[in-house]
Amino acid sequence: MITIDDISMAVIAVIRLGAVFRFIYCMVRLQGAEEEQTQFKKRAKNTVLFYVIAECIWQIKELIFYYYSA
Protein backbone atom coordinates (compact mmCIF):
# COMPACT_ATOMS: atom_id res chain seq x y z
CA MET A 1 0.00 0.00 0.00
CA ILE A 2 1.31 3.43 -0.93
CA THR A 3 1.38 5.93 1.89
CA ILE A 4 1.65 9.71 1.94
CA ASP A 5 5.26 9.36 3.02
CA ASP A 6 6.06 7.23 -0.05
CA ILE A 7 4.44 9.80 -2.33
CA SER A 8 6.33 12.68 -0.71
CA MET A 9 9.64 10.80 -1.08
CA ALA A 10 8.87 10.24 -4.77
CA VAL A 11 8.05 13.93 -5.25
CA ILE A 12 11.29 14.92 -3.51
CA ALA A 13 13.26 12.62 -5.81
CA VAL A 14 11.56 14.07 -8.91
CA ILE A 15 12.24 17.64 -7.75
CA ARG A 16 15.90 16.87 -7.05
CA LEU A 17 16.45 15.14 -10.38
CA GLY A 18 14.59 17.84 -12.29
CA ALA A 19 16.59 20.62 -10.66
CA VAL A 20 19.90 18.86 -11.35
CA PHE A 21 19.04 18.19 -15.00
CA ARG A 22 17.75 21.75 -15.48
CA PHE A 23 20.95 23.19 -13.97
CA ILE A 24 23.13 20.96 -16.18
CA TYR A 25 21.09 21.95 -19.23
CA CYS A 26 21.52 25.65 -18.43
CA MET A 27 25.27 25.23 -17.95
CA VAL A 28 25.65 23.39 -21.26
CA ARG A 29 23.61 26.00 -23.10
CA LEU A 30 25.56 28.76 -21.32
CA GLN A 31 28.78 27.57 -22.92
CA GLY A 32 27.30 27.40 -26.41
CA ALA A 33 25.21 30.55 -26.68
CA GLU A 34 27.15 33.79 -26.52
CA GLU A 35 24.21 36.16 -26.99
CA GLU A 36 21.96 34.32 -24.54
CA GLN A 37 24.42 34.06 -21.65
CA THR A 38 22.56 36.41 -19.32
CA GLN A 39 19.31 34.54 -19.93
CA PHE A 40 20.82 31.14 -19.07
CA LYS A 41 22.70 32.54 -16.07
CA LYS A 42 19.39 33.83 -14.72
CA ARG A 43 17.69 30.49 -15.42
CA ALA A 44 20.48 28.60 -13.63
CA LYS A 45 20.26 30.95 -10.66
CA ASN A 46 16.47 30.54 -10.53
CA THR A 47 16.87 26.75 -10.67
CA VAL A 48 19.20 26.79 -7.68
CA LEU A 49 16.84 29.12 -5.83
CA PHE A 50 13.90 26.83 -6.58
CA TYR A 51 15.84 23.81 -5.30
CA VAL A 52 16.77 25.53 -2.05
CA ILE A 53 13.19 26.66 -1.43
CA ALA A 54 11.80 23.20 -2.26
CA GLU A 55 14.23 21.52 0.14
CA CYS A 56 13.35 24.01 2.87
CA ILE A 57 9.65 23.30 2.42
CA TRP A 58 10.20 19.55 2.76
CA GLN A 59 12.36 20.03 5.85
CA ILE A 60 9.73 22.24 7.46
CA LYS A 61 7.11 19.58 6.68
CA GLU A 62 9.26 16.93 8.35
CA LEU A 63 9.76 19.13 11.40
CA ILE A 64 6.03 19.75 11.74
CA PHE A 65 5.23 16.05 11.38
CA TYR A 66 7.90 15.16 13.94
CA TYR A 67 6.70 17.80 16.38
CA TYR A 68 3.01 16.91 16.21
CA SER A 69 3.44 13.13 16.07
CA ALA A 70 5.21 13.00 19.47
C-alpha atoms as a PDB file:
ATOM      1  CA  MET A   1       0.000   0.000   0.000  1.00  0.00           C
ATOM      2  CA  ILE A   2       1.311   3.425  -0.927  1.00  0.00           C
ATOM      3  CA  THR A   3       1.385   5.934   1.885  1.00  0.00           C
ATOM      4  CA  ILE A   4       1.647   9.711   1.937  1.00  0.00           C
ATOM      5  CA  ASP A   5       5.258   9.360   3.019  1.00  0.00           C
ATOM      6  CA  ASP A   6       6.060   7.230  -0.050  1.00  0.00           C
ATOM      7  CA  ILE A   7       4.441   9.801  -2.327  1.00  0.00           C
ATOM      8  CA  SER A   8       6.331  12.675  -0.705  1.00  0.00           C
ATOM      9  CA  MET A   9       9.637  10.798  -1.077  1.00  0.00           C
ATOM     10  CA  ALA A  10       8.870  10.238  -4.773  1.00  0.00           C
ATOM     11  CA  VAL A  11       8.047  13.931  -5.255  1.00  0.00           C
ATOM     12  CA  ILE A  12      11.290  14.920  -3.506  1.00  0.00           C
ATOM     13  CA  ALA A  13      13.258  12.621  -5.815  1.00  0.00           C
ATOM     14  CA  VAL A  14      11.559  14.070  -8.912  1.00  0.00           C
ATOM     15  CA  ILE A  15      12.235  17.638  -7.750  1.00  0.00           C
ATOM     16  CA  ARG A  16      15.898  16.868  -7.054  1.00  0.00           C
ATOM     17  CA  LEU A  17      16.454  15.142 -10.383  1.00  0.00           C
ATOM     18  CA  GLY A  18      14.590  17.836 -12.290  1.00  0.00           C
ATOM     19  CA  ALA A  19      16.594  20.618 -10.660  1.00  0.00           C
ATOM     20  CA  VAL A  20      19.896  18.862 -11.346  1.00  0.00           C
ATOM     21  CA  PHE A  21      19.037  18.193 -14.997  1.00  0.00           C
ATOM     22  CA  ARG A  22      17.752  21.751 -15.476  1.00  0.00           C
ATOM     23  CA  PHE A  23      20.948  23.185 -13.971  1.00  0.00           C
ATOM     24  CA  ILE A  24      23.133  20.963 -16.176  1.00  0.00           C
ATOM     25  CA  TYR A  25      21.086  21.954 -19.230  1.00  0.00           C
ATOM     26  CA  CYS A  26      21.521  25.646 -18.431  1.00  0.00           C
ATOM     27  CA  MET A  27      25.271  25.225 -17.946  1.00  0.00           C
ATOM     28  CA  VAL A  28      25.648  23.389 -21.261  1.00  0.00           C
ATOM     29  CA  ARG A  29      23.611  26.004 -23.096  1.00  0.00           C
ATOM     30  CA  LEU A  30      25.559  28.757 -21.323  1.00  0.00           C
ATOM     31  CA  GLN A  31      28.781  27.574 -22.923  1.00  0.00           C
ATOM     32  CA  GLY A  32      27.301  27.395 -26.409  1.00  0.00           C
ATOM     33  CA  ALA A  33      25.207  30.549 -26.684  1.00  0.00           C
ATOM     34  CA  GLU A  34      27.147  33.794 -26.523  1.00  0.00           C
ATOM     35  CA  GLU A  35      24.214  36.161 -26.994  1.00  0.00           C
ATOM     36  CA  GLU A  36      21.958  34.321 -24.545  1.00  0.00           C
ATOM     37  CA  GLN A  37      24.424  34.061 -21.650  1.00  0.00           C
ATOM     38  CA  THR A  38      22.560  36.410 -19.317  1.00  0.00           C
ATOM     39  CA  GLN A  39      19.313  34.539 -19.931  1.00  0.00           C
ATOM     40  CA  PHE A  40      20.815  31.139 -19.073  1.00  0.00           C
ATOM     41  CA  LYS A  41      22.696  32.543 -16.065  1.00  0.00           C
ATOM     42  CA  LYS A  42      19.393  33.825 -14.723  1.00  0.00           C
ATOM     43  CA  ARG A  43      17.689  30.486 -15.416  1.00  0.00           C
ATOM     44  CA  ALA A  44      20.477  28.597 -13.632  1.00  0.00           C
ATOM     45  CA  LYS A  45      20.256  30.949 -10.657  1.00  0.00           C
ATOM     46  CA  ASN A  46      16.470  30.539 -10.527  1.00  0.00           C
ATOM     47  CA  THR A  47      16.871  26.753 -10.672  1.00  0.00           C
ATOM     48  CA  VAL A  48      19.204  26.792  -7.676  1.00  0.00           C
ATOM     49  CA  LEU A  49      16.840  29.119  -5.828  1.00  0.00           C
ATOM     50  CA  PHE A  50      13.898  26.828  -6.577  1.00  0.00           C
ATOM     51  CA  TYR A  51      15.836  23.814  -5.304  1.00  0.00           C
ATOM     52  CA  VAL A  52      16.765  25.534  -2.052  1.00  0.00           C
ATOM     53  CA  ILE A  53      13.187  26.660  -1.426  1.00  0.00           C
ATOM     54  CA  ALA A  54      11.803  23.205  -2.259  1.00  0.00           C
ATOM     55  CA  GLU A  55      14.235  21.524   0.143  1.00  0.00           C
ATOM     56  CA  CYS A  56      13.353  24.011   2.870  1.00  0.00           C
ATOM     57  CA  ILE A  57       9.652  23.301   2.424  1.00  0.00           C
ATOM     58  CA  TRP A  58      10.200  19.553   2.758  1.00  0.00           C
ATOM     59  CA  GLN A  59      12.357  20.033   5.850  1.00  0.00           C
ATOM     60  CA  ILE A  60       9.726  22.245   7.460  1.00  0.00           C
ATOM     61  CA  LYS A  61       7.108  19.582   6.678  1.00  0.00           C
ATOM     62  CA  GLU A  62       9.258  16.932   8.349  1.00  0.00           C
ATOM     63  CA  LEU A  63       9.764  19.134  11.405  1.00  0.00           C
ATOM     64  CA  ILE A  64       6.035  19.746  11.740  1.00  0.00           C
ATOM     65  CA  PHE A  65       5.228  16.047  11.381  1.00  0.00           C
ATOM     66  CA  TYR A  66       7.903  15.158  13.942  1.00  0.00           C
ATOM     67  CA  TYR A  67       6.696  17.803  16.380  1.00  0.00           C
ATOM     68  CA  TYR A  68       3.006  16.909  16.213  1.00  0.00           C
ATOM     69  CA  SER A  69       3.436  13.131  16.074  1.00  0.00           C
ATOM     70  CA  ALA A  70       5.210  12.997  19.467  1.00  0.00           C
END
